[in-house]
Amino acid sequence: MMTTQSCLVAGVESAYLKKAHTKESGGSAQRRQLLEWMRNSGPIDTLTARRDLNILMPASRIKELKNQGYTFHTRRITITDEQGRSHSNIAQYTLIGEPARKVAA
């Protein structure tokens, strides 16, 4: 098992360390993170969701949110990553609608 110290000695914050510092990493927590990002910061793309939110499959979380009644605009963009590599056909999601809330009678 990799320890925090060995991760830091290697000079890399591994997925192990990131998971250790995240309180929740399940689908519901990831859906909440995506919604919070889009409500506060606007659109999010696949690479940013992976890098900044540690959500490896953001398309799956978006699909689940669509099934719950949220609506999104998806467009394909080209992004240059931190290493200078260009990635084309990356999904960028914009939250455009939320499900109607039921009002108690």
Protein backbone atom coordinates (compact mmCIF):
# COMPACT_ATOMS: atom_id res chain seq x y z
CA MET A 1 0.00 0.00 0.00
CA MET A 2 1.31 3.42 -0.95
CA THR A 3 1.65 5.84 1.95
CA THR A 4 1.17 9.58 1.94
CA GLN A 5 4.88 10.01 2.55
CA SER A 6 5.90 7.84 -0.43
CA CYS A 7 3.47 9.77 -2.65
CA LEU A 8 4.98 13.07 -1.55
CA VAL A 9 8.56 11.79 -1.90
CA ALA A 10 7.78 10.93 -5.50
CA GLY A 11 6.71 14.56 -5.93
CA VAL A 12 3.32 13.56 -7.29
CA GLU A 13 -0.11 13.88 -5.74
CA SER A 14 -1.43 10.51 -6.80
CA ALA A 15 -5.02 9.44 -7.24
CA TYR A 16 -4.53 7.63 -3.92
CA LEU A 17 -3.76 10.91 -2.15
CA LYS A 18 -6.58 12.79 -3.87
CA LYS A 19 -9.06 10.09 -2.84
CA ALA A 20 -7.77 10.21 0.73
CA HIS A 21 -8.50 13.94 0.86
CA THR A 22 -11.97 13.70 -0.66
CA LYS A 23 -14.84 13.14 1.75
CA GLU A 24 -17.15 11.66 -0.88
CA SER A 25 -16.29 10.20 -4.24
CA GLY A 26 -19.48 8.39 -5.23
CA GLY A 27 -21.78 9.26 -8.10
CA SER A 28 -24.10 11.45 -6.04
CA ALA A 29 -21.18 13.51 -4.71
CA GLN A 30 -19.80 13.88 -8.23
CA ARG A 31 -23.17 15.02 -9.55
CA ARG A 32 -23.34 17.62 -6.77
CA GLN A 33 -19.81 18.80 -7.62
CA LEU A 34 -20.66 19.21 -11.31
CA LEU A 35 -23.85 21.13 -10.55
CA GLU A 36 -22.07 23.38 -8.05
CA TRP A 37 -19.30 24.13 -10.57
CA MET A 38 -21.73 24.98 -13.35
CA ARG A 39 -23.96 27.11 -11.09
CA ASN A 40 -20.99 29.10 -9.76
CA SER A 41 -18.40 29.06 -12.56
CA GLY A 42 -20.27 28.28 -15.76
CA PRO A 43 -19.47 25.60 -18.33
CA ILE A 44 -17.15 22.70 -17.58
CA ASP A 45 -15.32 20.44 -20.00
CA THR A 46 -14.31 16.81 -19.62
CA LEU A 47 -10.62 17.49 -18.96
CA THR A 48 -11.37 20.13 -16.30
CA ALA A 49 -13.85 17.82 -14.55
CA ARG A 50 -11.22 15.09 -14.47
CA ARG A 51 -8.39 17.36 -13.35
CA ASP A 52 -10.13 19.72 -10.92
CA LEU A 53 -13.03 17.63 -9.61
CA ASN A 54 -11.46 14.16 -9.89
CA ILE A 55 -14.47 12.92 -11.89
CA LEU A 56 -13.10 10.36 -14.30
CA MET A 57 -16.32 9.84 -16.30
CA PRO A 58 -18.14 13.18 -16.33
CA ALA A 59 -20.31 12.13 -19.31
CA SER A 60 -21.87 9.43 -17.13
CA ARG A 61 -22.65 11.94 -14.38
CA ILE A 62 -24.19 14.34 -16.94
CA LYS A 63 -26.36 11.52 -18.31
CA GLU A 64 -27.55 10.71 -14.78
CA LEU A 65 -28.38 14.38 -14.18
CA LYS A 66 -30.32 14.49 -17.47
CA ASN A 67 -32.30 11.47 -16.25
CA GLN A 68 -33.15 13.52 -13.12
CA GLY A 69 -34.55 16.35 -15.24
CA TYR A 70 -31.58 18.70 -15.65
CA THR A 71 -30.90 20.05 -19.14
CA PHE A 72 -27.52 20.85 -20.65
CA HIS A 73 -26.08 22.30 -23.82
CA THR A 74 -23.13 20.20 -24.98
CA ARG A 75 -20.64 21.47 -27.50
CA ARG A 76 -17.37 20.02 -28.77
CA ILE A 77 -14.21 22.06 -28.25
CA THR A 78 -10.45 21.76 -28.71
CA ILE A 79 -8.28 22.21 -25.61
CA THR A 80 -4.53 22.41 -25.07
CA ASP A 81 -3.54 20.62 -21.84
CA GLU A 82 -0.82 21.51 -19.31
CA GLN A 83 1.77 19.59 -21.34
CA GLY A 84 0.96 21.55 -24.49
CA ARG A 85 -0.91 18.70 -26.20
CA SER A 86 -4.01 19.53 -28.20
CA HIS A 87 -7.17 17.50 -27.60
CA SER A 88 -10.05 17.85 -30.03
CA ASN A 89 -13.70 16.86 -29.74
CA ILE A 90 -13.77 17.43 -25.96
CA ALA A 91 -17.27 17.84 -24.51
CA GLN A 92 -18.08 21.11 -22.77
CA TYR A 93 -21.28 21.13 -20.71
CA THR A 94 -23.42 24.16 -19.84
CA LEU A 95 -26.30 23.83 -17.38
CA ILE A 96 -29.36 25.43 -18.99
CA GLY A 97 -32.26 24.08 -16.92
CA GLU A 98 -33.08 22.42 -13.63
CA PRO A 99 -36.02 20.17 -12.81
CA ALA A 100 -39.12 21.88 -11.47
CA ARG A 101 -39.35 21.60 -7.71
CA LYS A 102 -42.53 20.20 -6.29
CA VAL A 103 -44.41 22.64 -4.06
CA ALA A 104 -46.03 21.20 -0.96
CA ALA A 105 -49.78 21.82 -0.83
